[in-house]
Protein backbone atom coordinates (compact mmCIF):
# COMPACT_ATOMS: atom_id res chain seq x y z
CA UNK A 1 0.00 0.00 0.00
CA UNK A 2 1.28 3.45 -0.87
CA UNK A 3 1.72 6.30 1.57
CA UNK A 4 -1.28 8.64 1.89
CA UNK A 5 0.62 11.54 0.30
CA UNK A 6 1.50 9.30 -2.68
CA UNK A 7 -2.16 8.27 -3.00
CA UNK A 8 -3.28 11.90 -2.75
CA UNK A 9 -0.87 12.88 -5.55
CA UNK A 10 -2.00 9.93 -7.66
CA UNK A 11 -5.63 10.82 -7.09
CA UNK A 12 -4.99 14.47 -7.99
CA UNK A 13 -3.35 13.32 -11.22
CA UNK A 14 -6.40 11.16 -12.03
CA UNK A 15 -8.74 14.07 -11.28
CA UNK A 16 -6.64 16.33 -13.52
CA UNK A 17 -6.67 13.71 -16.29
CA UNK A 18 -10.43 13.30 -15.99
CA UNK A 19 -10.97 17.05 -16.16
CA UNK A 20 -8.61 17.38 -19.13
CA UNK A 21 -10.48 14.61 -20.97
CA UNK A 22 -13.89 16.19 -20.42
CA UNK A 23 -12.62 19.70 -21.20
CA UNK A 24 -11.23 18.37 -24.47
CA UNK A 25 -14.51 16.60 -25.27
CA UNK A 26 -16.40 19.83 -24.50
CA UNK A 27 -14.14 21.88 -26.77
CA UNK A 28 -14.59 19.37 -29.58
CA UNK A 29 -18.38 19.42 -29.18
CA UNK A 30 -18.35 23.23 -29.25
CA UNK A 31 -16.21 23.25 -32.40
CA UNK A 32 -18.64 20.86 -34.13
CA UNK A 33 -21.58 23.04 -33.14
CA UNK A 34 -19.89 26.24 -34.30
CA UNK A 35 -18.87 24.68 -37.62
CA UNK A 36 -22.38 23.42 -38.22
CA UNK A 37 -23.94 26.79 -37.42
CA UNK A 38 -21.44 28.60 -39.65
CA UNK A 39 -22.21 26.26 -42.56
CA UNK A 40 -25.98 26.59 -42.14
CA UNK A 41 -26.23 30.38 -42.07
CA UNK A 42 -27.20 31.83 -45.43
CA UNK A 43 -25.23 34.80 -46.71
CA UNK A 44 -27.64 37.73 -46.99
CA UNK A 45 -25.98 38.81 -50.25
CA UNK A 46 -26.66 35.52 -52.01
CA UNK A 47 -29.71 34.88 -54.13
CA UNK A 48 -31.71 32.10 -52.49
CA UNK A 49 -34.39 29.80 -53.73
CA UNK A 50 -36.96 27.83 -51.76
CA UNK A 51 -34.65 24.79 -51.49
CA UNK A 52 -31.89 26.94 -49.96
CA UNK A 53 -34.31 28.29 -47.37
CA UNK A 54 -35.64 24.81 -46.55
CA UNK A 55 -32.09 23.43 -46.24
CA UNK A 56 -31.10 26.31 -44.01
CA UNK A 57 -34.13 25.79 -41.79
CA UNK A 58 -33.36 22.07 -41.49
CA UNK A 59 -29.74 22.89 -40.64
CA UNK A 60 -30.80 25.25 -37.86
CA UNK A 61 -33.08 22.53 -36.47
CA UNK A 62 -30.20 20.07 -36.70
CA UNK A 63 -27.97 22.50 -34.83
CA UNK A 64 -30.19 21.98 -31.81
CA UNK A 65 -29.07 18.34 -31.85
CA UNK A 66 -25.45 19.53 -31.76
CA UNK A 67 -26.13 21.48 -28.58
CA UNK A 68 -26.94 18.32 -26.60
CA UNK A 69 -23.31 17.04 -26.54
CA UNK A 70 -22.13 20.53 -25.56
CA UNK A 71 -24.58 20.63 -22.67
CA UNK A 72 -23.68 17.08 -21.63
CA UNK A 73 -19.95 17.82 -21.48
CA UNK A 74 -20.56 21.16 -19.73
CA UNK A 75 -22.50 19.27 -17.05
CA UNK A 76 -19.72 16.69 -16.71
CA UNK A 77 -17.06 19.38 -16.32
CA UNK A 78 -19.21 21.03 -13.66
CA UNK A 79 -19.54 17.75 -11.74
CA UNK A 80 -15.78 17.12 -11.89
CA UNK A 81 -14.94 20.65 -10.77
CA UNK A 82 -17.29 20.42 -7.79
CA UNK A 83 -16.77 16.82 -6.61
CA UNK A 84 -14.91 15.90 -3.43
CA UNK A 85 -11.89 13.90 -4.58
CA UNK A 86 -10.34 13.58 -1.11
CA UNK A 87 -8.90 10.24 -0.05
CA UNK A 88 -11.45 7.69 1.10
CA UNK A 89 -11.57 4.05 2.13
CA UNK A 90 -15.16 3.59 0.89
CA UNK A 91 -16.64 3.57 -2.62
CA UNK A 92 -18.36 6.93 -3.08
CA UNK A 93 -18.41 9.75 -5.62
CA UNK A 94 -14.84 10.95 -6.05
CA UNK A 95 -13.31 7.56 -5.16
CA UNK A 96 -10.83 5.66 -7.26
CA UNK A 97 -11.77 1.98 -7.19
CA UNK A 98 -9.66 -0.93 -8.42
CA UNK A 99 -11.58 -4.07 -9.35
CA UNK A 100 -10.01 -7.06 -11.14
CA UNK A 101 -7.06 -4.86 -12.11
CA UNK A 102 -9.34 -2.24 -13.71
CA UNK A 103 -9.27 1.31 -12.39
CA UNK A 104 -12.44 3.36 -12.12
CA UNK A 105 -13.04 6.90 -10.92
CA UNK A 106 -16.53 7.54 -9.60
CA UNK A 107 -17.54 10.87 -11.10
CA UNK A 108 -19.02 10.88 -14.61
CA UNK A 109 -19.06 8.27 -17.34
CA UNK A 110 -16.13 8.60 -19.74
CA UNK A 111 -14.11 6.69 -22.23
CA UNK A 112 -10.83 5.22 -21.05
CA UNK A 113 -7.94 7.58 -20.34
CA UNK A 114 -4.37 7.07 -19.17
CA UNK A 115 -2.63 8.70 -16.23
CA UNK A 116 0.89 7.72 -15.24
CA UNK A 117 0.77 4.53 -17.30
CA UNK A 118 -2.50 3.36 -15.73
CA UNK A 119 -5.77 3.22 -17.66
CA UNK A 120 -8.83 4.62 -15.90
CA UNK A 121 -12.48 4.89 -16.81
CA UNK A 122 -14.97 7.30 -15.32
CA UNK A 123 -18.23 5.83 -14.05
CA UNK A 124 -21.29 7.70 -12.85
CA UNK A 125 -23.39 7.15 -9.78
CA UNK A 126 -26.07 5.80 -12.12
CA UNK A 127 -23.92 2.96 -13.45
CA UNK A 128 -24.82 -0.58 -12.37
CA UNK A 129 -21.28 -1.29 -11.14
CA UNK A 130 -21.30 1.78 -8.91
CA UNK A 131 -24.73 0.94 -7.50
CA UNK A 132 -23.50 -2.58 -6.70
CA UNK A 133 -20.36 -1.43 -4.85
CA UNK A 134 -21.52 1.86 -3.30
CA UNK A 135 -20.24 2.17 0.27
CA UNK A 136 -18.00 -0.89 0.16
CA UNK A 137 -14.30 -1.00 1.10
CA UNK A 138 -11.27 -2.84 -0.24
CA UNK A 139 -11.58 -6.57 0.38
CA UNK A 140 -15.37 -6.51 0.32
CA UNK A 141 -17.35 -8.18 -2.46
CA UNK A 142 -20.40 -7.38 -4.53
CA UNK A 143 -22.46 -9.23 -7.09
CA UNK A 144 -22.80 -8.01 -10.67
CA UNK A 145 -24.30 -9.93 -13.58
CA UNK A 146 -24.19 -13.15 -11.60
CA UNK A 147 -20.51 -12.73 -10.71
CA UNK A 148 -19.07 -12.21 -7.27
CA UNK A 149 -16.42 -9.48 -7.48
CA UNK A 150 -13.98 -8.35 -4.80
CA UNK A 151 -12.79 -4.77 -4.56
CA UNK A 152 -8.98 -4.68 -4.65
CA UNK A 153 -8.45 -1.08 -3.59
CA UNK A 154 -10.29 2.17 -2.83
CA UNK A 155 -8.71 5.57 -2.38
Foldseek 3Di string as FASTA:
>chain_A
DDDQVVVQVQLVQVLVQQLVQLVVQLVVLVVVLVVLLVVLDDDPPDDDDPVNVVSSVVSVVVSVVSVVSNVVSVVLSVQSVPWDLHFDQAQDQNKWWAWPNAIEHETPFDDWDDGPNHIYTYHYCPDPVSVQRGGHGAQDWGDDPNDIIGIHHMD
